[in-house]
Amino acid sequence: MIDDVERVHAAQAGDVSAMGALLEDYRARLYAAALTMLGDRAQAQDAVQDAFLVALRRLGDLREPEAVGGWLHTIVRNECRMRLRAYRELPGEIPVLAETQRCDVDEALERVALRDWLWTTLEALPLDLRATVMLRYFTHHTAYTEIAAILGIPVGTVRSRLHEAKRRLADALLASVTAAHCDHGALVAQRVHWWRAVVDEVEQEGTVALYIEDAVPNTLVEAPAMGYRAQGVEDHARGMVETVTAGVRVHLTDLVTSAGVTIVEGDYENPPDDPHHCPATHTEVRFHPHGRTTRIILYYASAGDNESTGVPAHSRLRPECET
């Protein structure tokens, strides 16, 4: 029978099934300890879930594998103490997600962002939750207000989506560690190759066949911060051609993708004789749950825009700058 020490060594070497088995073995004991401290079942479950995310991030720092049980209990106790501290500061309720917890949980997600098994787990989230998580943790749009502006939703909805996603993620990570995992690197390479082919087609041939073919008929195209909404990508695609014809170039700066959601970020390079033709940056959130795109959300920001609000400078926007 594999003992804890062997599982820790295997997990530190990259065997996620060993890590999952280790956490699952301790789940009941950790939950009992959290329940004793908090006296609330839901809060105890949340504390254990967040502790698992912290453990996933810090596993490489564990120098004494034989002490893994005590190490996990220490993490849970710290999570519980933070909840109790927040409770004292806000009498009458224990917050669903205290701000004091945010750093550890957020960093846990950021540190494991490139692991194939995490991306496999993210696929289990509904598209709206997945897009919100991807914007928050894997792009530079980290402010809740900016995410709200991009997606056209209230800030409170951003908070509730992120909390729900973390709850699901903690459990799903344990359920998925023994399953087959996607090759996320290959998926990213595929999406980058497609996007660059689209840009090359527009710049070299003045056509957007690849872009149009990728979308289903009546794809919903939105730019919530601009109040723009249309069915079908044809108008947007024509705007791309007009923008390039005017001498504007867009440079891909980042691409974050999962099987159903892709977020593309780029910078605009305006022609010298028209330096304000398009805003400085472009973000495009694409939903493609079954392969082809069914919804596109567009967001633009100009130099000097207030990143805390995420609202682009409307005076600099032009309809043809939707690329």
Protein backbone atom coordinates (compact mmCIF):
# COMPACT_ATOMS: atom_id res chain seq x y z
CA MET A 1 0.00 0.00 0.00
CA ILE A 2 1.30 3.44 -0.92
CA ASP A 3 1.91 5.57 2.17
CA ASP A 4 1.74 9.36 2.56
CA VAL A 5 5.47 9.87 2.03
CA GLU A 6 5.40 8.06 -1.30
CA ARG A 7 2.33 10.03 -2.38
CA VAL A 8 3.98 13.34 -1.50
CA HIS A 9 7.10 12.43 -3.48
CA ALA A 10 4.97 11.33 -6.43
CA ALA A 11 2.86 14.48 -6.28
CA GLN A 12 5.92 16.72 -6.07
CA ALA A 13 7.22 14.93 -9.17
CA GLY A 14 4.04 15.86 -11.04
CA ASP A 15 1.74 12.89 -10.41
CA VAL A 16 -1.58 14.68 -9.87
CA SER A 17 -3.44 11.45 -9.14
CA ALA A 18 -1.19 10.96 -6.10
CA MET A 19 -1.99 14.47 -4.91
CA GLY A 20 -5.69 13.87 -5.39
CA ALA A 21 -5.59 10.61 -3.46
CA LEU A 22 -3.64 12.27 -0.65
CA LEU A 23 -6.12 15.12 -0.29
CA GLU A 24 -9.09 12.77 -0.51
CA ASP A 25 -7.68 10.60 2.30
CA TYR A 26 -7.48 13.63 4.59
CA ARG A 27 -10.73 15.31 3.54
CA ALA A 28 -12.92 13.89 6.36
CA ARG A 29 -10.39 14.64 9.11
CA LEU A 30 -9.77 18.16 7.83
CA TYR A 31 -13.49 18.84 7.57
CA ALA A 32 -14.02 17.65 11.15
CA ALA A 33 -11.28 19.99 12.38
CA ALA A 34 -12.74 22.93 10.44
CA LEU A 35 -16.25 22.21 11.72
CA THR A 36 -14.99 22.18 15.30
CA MET A 37 -13.43 25.63 14.83
CA LEU A 38 -16.20 27.26 12.80
CA GLY A 39 -19.34 25.48 13.96
CA ASP A 40 -20.89 25.88 10.50
CA ARG A 41 -20.95 23.11 7.89
CA ALA A 42 -20.92 25.33 4.81
CA GLN A 43 -18.07 27.45 6.15
CA ALA A 44 -16.12 24.33 7.14
CA GLN A 45 -16.49 22.95 3.61
CA ASP A 46 -15.33 26.26 2.14
CA ALA A 47 -12.31 26.33 4.44
CA VAL A 48 -11.28 22.81 3.38
CA GLN A 49 -11.76 23.66 -0.31
CA ASP A 50 -9.60 26.76 -0.04
CA ALA A 51 -7.02 24.81 1.98
CA PHE A 52 -6.76 22.29 -0.86
CA LEU A 53 -6.01 25.09 -3.31
CA VAL A 54 -3.33 26.45 -0.99
CA ALA A 55 -1.85 22.95 -0.58
CA LEU A 56 -1.72 22.51 -4.36
CA ARG A 57 0.34 25.66 -4.63
CA ARG A 58 2.64 25.03 -1.68
CA LEU A 59 3.30 21.32 -2.11
CA GLY A 60 6.77 22.00 -3.46
CA ASP A 61 7.65 23.80 -0.22
CA LEU A 62 6.93 20.74 1.94
CA ARG A 63 10.37 19.53 3.06
CA GLU A 64 9.25 16.76 5.41
CA PRO A 65 6.78 14.49 3.54
CA GLU A 66 6.17 12.41 6.66
CA ALA A 67 4.62 15.50 8.27
CA VAL A 68 2.08 16.08 5.50
CA GLY A 69 -0.87 15.40 7.80
CA GLY A 70 0.12 18.09 10.27
CA TRP A 71 0.97 20.42 7.38
CA LEU A 72 -2.53 20.06 5.91
CA HIS A 73 -4.16 20.58 9.30
CA THR A 74 -2.11 23.76 9.80
CA ILE A 75 -3.33 25.13 6.49
CA VAL A 76 -6.95 24.36 7.40
CA ARG A 77 -6.57 26.00 10.81
CA ASN A 78 -5.16 29.12 9.18
CA GLU A 79 -8.10 29.24 6.77
CA CYS A 80 -10.51 28.90 9.69
CA ARG A 81 -8.75 31.61 11.70
CA MET A 82 -9.05 34.02 8.80
CA ARG A 83 -12.78 33.34 8.63
CA LEU A 84 -13.17 33.84 12.37
CA ARG A 85 -11.15 37.06 12.22
CA ALA A 86 -13.37 38.36 9.44
CA TYR A 87 -16.44 37.33 11.45
CA ARG A 88 -15.29 39.41 14.41
CA GLU A 89 -14.75 42.39 12.12
CA LEU A 90 -18.20 41.94 10.51
CA PRO A 91 -20.52 40.78 13.33
CA GLY A 92 -23.69 39.02 12.32
CA GLU A 93 -22.33 36.88 9.51
CA ILE A 94 -19.34 34.89 8.37
CA PRO A 95 -18.46 36.21 4.91
CA VAL A 96 -18.64 33.78 2.03
CA LEU A 97 -15.17 34.80 0.95
CA ALA A 98 -13.23 37.03 3.34
CA GLU A 99 -10.83 39.44 1.71
CA THR A 100 -8.06 38.13 3.96
CA GLN A 101 -8.27 34.80 2.13
CA ARG A 102 -8.04 36.21 -1.32
CA CYS A 103 -4.27 36.29 -1.74
CA ASP A 104 -3.66 32.59 -1.04
CA VAL A 105 -6.54 31.37 -3.17
CA ASP A 106 -5.78 33.70 -6.06
CA GLU A 107 -2.10 32.84 -6.01
CA ALA A 108 -2.94 29.15 -5.95
CA LEU A 109 -4.86 29.55 -9.17
CA GLU A 110 -2.16 31.65 -10.78
CA ARG A 111 0.66 29.25 -9.88
CA VAL A 112 -1.03 26.21 -11.41
CA ALA A 113 -2.44 28.04 -14.42
CA LEU A 114 -0.24 26.21 -16.93
CA ARG A 115 -0.97 22.69 -15.74
CA ASP A 116 -3.02 20.62 -18.14
CA TRP A 117 -5.11 19.10 -15.38
CA LEU A 118 -6.28 22.52 -14.16
CA TRP A 119 -7.42 23.45 -17.64
CA THR A 120 -9.20 20.13 -17.91
CA THR A 121 -10.99 20.98 -14.65
CA LEU A 122 -11.94 24.44 -15.87
CA GLU A 123 -13.80 22.80 -18.75
CA ALA A 124 -16.37 21.57 -16.23
CA LEU A 125 -17.41 25.14 -15.38
CA PRO A 126 -20.34 26.76 -17.23
CA LEU A 127 -19.17 29.11 -19.98
CA ASP A 128 -20.06 32.34 -18.14
CA LEU A 129 -18.19 31.25 -15.01
CA ARG A 130 -15.26 30.03 -17.10
CA ALA A 131 -14.95 33.32 -19.00
CA THR A 132 -15.03 35.29 -15.73
CA VAL A 133 -12.33 33.11 -14.16
CA MET A 134 -10.14 33.30 -17.28
CA LEU A 135 -10.36 37.10 -17.35
CA ARG A 136 -9.64 37.40 -13.61
CA TYR A 137 -6.71 35.00 -13.34
CA PHE A 138 -5.20 34.66 -16.79
CA THR A 139 -5.37 38.15 -18.37
CA HIS A 140 -4.37 41.63 -17.25
CA HIS A 141 -8.04 42.53 -16.67
CA THR A 142 -7.91 41.73 -12.96
CA ALA A 143 -10.15 44.48 -11.51
CA TYR A 144 -13.72 43.41 -10.81
CA THR A 145 -14.99 46.67 -12.29
CA GLU A 146 -13.11 46.07 -15.53
CA ILE A 147 -14.34 42.48 -15.83
CA ALA A 148 -17.86 43.79 -15.25
CA ALA A 149 -17.41 46.34 -18.03
CA ILE A 150 -16.05 43.74 -20.47
CA LEU A 151 -18.84 41.23 -19.87
CA GLY A 152 -21.59 43.80 -19.38
CA ILE A 153 -22.62 42.52 -15.94
CA PRO A 154 -22.82 44.07 -12.44
CA VAL A 155 -19.74 43.95 -10.21
CA GLY A 156 -21.73 41.88 -7.73
CA THR A 157 -22.26 39.26 -10.40
CA VAL A 158 -18.50 39.13 -11.01
CA ARG A 159 -17.95 38.48 -7.31
CA SER A 160 -20.61 35.79 -7.10
CA ARG A 161 -19.35 34.06 -10.25
CA LEU A 162 -15.78 33.96 -8.97
CA HIS A 163 -16.89 32.62 -5.62
CA GLU A 164 -19.03 29.93 -7.23
CA ALA A 165 -16.20 29.02 -9.61
CA LYS A 166 -13.76 28.59 -6.71
CA ARG A 167 -16.21 26.36 -4.86
CA ARG A 168 -16.67 24.15 -7.90
CA LEU A 169 -12.99 24.22 -8.78
CA ALA A 170 -11.81 22.93 -5.41
CA ASP A 171 -14.06 19.86 -5.61
CA ALA A 172 -13.59 19.35 -9.34
CA LEU A 173 -9.81 19.32 -8.97
CA LEU A 174 -10.08 16.32 -6.68
CA ALA A 175 -12.56 14.57 -8.95
CA SER A 176 -10.46 15.11 -12.06
CA VAL A 177 -6.97 14.17 -10.89
CA THR A 178 -7.36 10.56 -11.92
CA ALA A 179 -8.99 11.38 -15.26
CA ALA A 180 -7.35 11.96 -18.60
CA HIS A 181 -6.22 15.54 -19.11
CA CYS A 182 -6.17 17.70 -22.19
CA ASP A 183 -2.97 18.86 -23.83
CA HIS A 184 -3.49 22.51 -23.10
CA GLY A 185 -0.28 23.61 -24.79
CA ALA A 186 -1.45 22.08 -28.06
CA LEU A 187 -4.81 23.81 -27.72
CA VAL A 188 -3.16 27.19 -27.20
CA ALA A 189 -0.90 26.62 -30.21
CA GLN A 190 -3.91 25.74 -32.34
CA ARG A 191 -5.82 28.89 -31.33
CA VAL A 192 -2.79 31.13 -31.83
CA HIS A 193 -2.20 29.62 -35.25
CA TRP A 194 -5.84 30.27 -36.21
CA TRP A 195 -5.80 33.87 -34.99
CA ARG A 196 -2.57 34.69 -36.81
CA ALA A 197 -3.99 33.13 -39.98
CA VAL A 198 -7.03 35.41 -39.65
CA VAL A 199 -4.83 38.49 -39.28
CA ASP A 200 -2.62 37.43 -42.20
CA GLU A 201 -5.68 36.92 -44.42
CA VAL A 202 -7.06 40.36 -43.58
CA GLU A 203 -3.73 42.13 -44.06
CA GLN A 204 -2.57 40.27 -47.17
CA GLU A 205 -5.81 39.54 -49.01
CA GLY A 206 -8.33 41.98 -47.57
CA THR A 207 -10.77 39.15 -46.81
CA VAL A 208 -12.11 37.56 -43.62
CA ALA A 209 -13.26 34.12 -44.76
CA LEU A 210 -11.58 32.29 -41.87
CA TYR A 211 -13.15 34.61 -39.32
CA ILE A 212 -16.64 34.24 -40.78
CA GLU A 213 -16.37 30.47 -41.23
CA ASP A 214 -15.46 30.02 -37.58
CA ALA A 215 -18.78 31.52 -36.42
CA VAL A 216 -22.23 29.97 -36.59
CA PRO A 217 -25.00 31.94 -38.37
CA ASN A 218 -26.47 34.67 -36.17
CA THR A 219 -23.53 34.64 -33.77
CA LEU A 220 -24.17 37.25 -31.09
CA VAL A 221 -21.60 40.07 -31.22
CA GLU A 222 -21.56 42.51 -28.29
CA ALA A 223 -19.54 45.45 -27.01
CA PRO A 224 -21.34 46.20 -23.72
CA ALA A 225 -19.24 49.25 -22.84
CA MET A 226 -20.21 50.80 -26.20
CA GLY A 227 -23.83 49.68 -26.21
CA TYR A 228 -23.23 47.65 -29.37
CA ARG A 229 -25.12 44.42 -30.13
CA ALA A 230 -25.61 42.58 -33.42
CA GLN A 231 -26.57 39.17 -34.77
CA GLY A 232 -23.98 37.71 -37.13
CA VAL A 233 -20.29 38.55 -37.54
CA GLU A 234 -20.50 40.03 -41.05
CA ASP A 235 -20.64 43.70 -40.00
CA HIS A 236 -17.84 43.20 -37.53
CA ALA A 237 -15.76 41.37 -40.15
CA ARG A 238 -16.25 44.19 -42.64
CA GLY A 239 -15.06 46.60 -39.97
CA MET A 240 -11.90 44.56 -39.62
CA VAL A 241 -11.15 44.92 -43.32
CA GLU A 242 -11.88 48.67 -43.24
CA THR A 243 -9.58 49.10 -40.25
CA VAL A 244 -6.68 47.31 -41.93
CA THR A 245 -7.30 49.17 -45.20
CA ALA A 246 -6.98 52.42 -43.26
CA GLY A 247 -3.45 51.38 -42.26
CA VAL A 248 -4.13 50.08 -38.74
CA ARG A 249 -2.35 46.94 -37.56
CA VAL A 250 -3.27 44.77 -34.57
CA HIS A 251 -0.59 42.85 -32.71
CA LEU A 252 -1.51 39.78 -30.65
CA THR A 253 -0.28 40.29 -27.07
CA ASP A 254 -1.93 37.36 -25.28
CA LEU A 255 -4.29 34.47 -25.87
CA VAL A 256 -5.96 32.43 -23.14
CA THR A 257 -8.09 29.49 -24.18
CA SER A 258 -10.09 26.51 -23.05
CA ALA A 259 -12.19 24.12 -25.10
CA GLY A 260 -15.20 26.45 -24.96
CA VAL A 261 -13.86 29.96 -24.30
CA THR A 262 -10.98 31.91 -25.87
CA ILE A 263 -9.83 35.38 -24.81
CA VAL A 264 -7.69 37.29 -27.31
CA GLU A 265 -5.84 40.47 -26.40
CA GLY A 266 -4.05 42.77 -28.79
CA ASP A 267 -2.55 46.23 -29.24
CA TYR A 268 -3.47 48.55 -32.10
CA GLU A 269 -0.77 50.26 -34.17
CA ASN A 270 -2.35 53.30 -35.82
CA PRO A 271 -0.90 54.95 -38.95
CA PRO A 272 1.28 58.03 -38.31
CA ASP A 273 -1.16 60.32 -40.09
CA ASP A 274 -4.11 59.10 -37.97
CA PRO A 275 -2.71 58.23 -34.52
CA HIS A 276 -6.14 58.08 -32.87
CA HIS A 277 -7.92 56.01 -35.49
CA CYS A 278 -8.38 53.11 -33.05
CA PRO A 279 -8.03 52.78 -29.26
CA ALA A 280 -4.84 51.40 -27.75
CA THR A 281 -5.96 47.89 -26.89
CA HIS A 282 -8.51 45.30 -27.86
CA THR A 283 -9.93 42.34 -25.93
CA GLU A 284 -12.18 39.73 -27.52
CA VAL A 285 -13.97 37.03 -25.53
CA ARG A 286 -15.15 34.22 -27.81
CA PHE A 287 -17.58 31.46 -26.74
CA HIS A 288 -17.35 28.26 -28.79
CA PRO A 289 -18.91 25.46 -26.69
CA HIS A 290 -19.22 23.02 -29.60
CA GLY A 291 -16.34 24.13 -31.80
CA ARG A 292 -17.63 27.08 -33.82
CA THR A 293 -18.12 30.48 -32.21
CA THR A 294 -21.61 31.34 -30.96
CA ARG A 295 -20.94 34.60 -29.07
CA ILE A 296 -18.29 37.33 -29.16
CA ILE A 297 -17.78 40.07 -26.57
CA LEU A 298 -15.60 43.02 -27.63
CA TYR A 299 -13.86 45.50 -25.36
CA TYR A 300 -11.59 48.44 -26.17
CA ALA A 301 -9.41 50.73 -24.05
CA SER A 302 -7.49 53.83 -25.10
CA ALA A 303 -4.26 55.15 -23.65
CA GLY A 304 -5.07 57.00 -20.44
CA ASP A 305 -8.31 55.12 -19.77
CA ASN A 306 -9.12 54.43 -16.14
CA GLU A 307 -8.31 50.73 -15.72
CA SER A 308 -10.31 50.65 -12.49
CA THR A 309 -13.51 51.31 -14.39
CA GLY A 310 -12.70 49.46 -17.58
CA VAL A 311 -14.71 51.98 -19.62
CA PRO A 312 -13.01 52.98 -22.86
CA ALA A 313 -12.84 56.55 -24.09
CA HIS A 314 -15.90 56.68 -26.35
CA SER A 315 -14.71 59.80 -28.16
CA ARG A 316 -11.84 57.81 -29.64
CA LEU A 317 -13.86 54.81 -30.72
CA ARG A 318 -14.97 54.27 -34.28
CA PRO A 319 -17.22 51.44 -35.51
CA GLU A 320 -14.56 50.17 -37.90
CA CYS A 321 -12.16 49.56 -35.00
CA GLU A 322 -13.87 46.32 -34.06
CA THR A 323 -11.01 43.92 -34.76
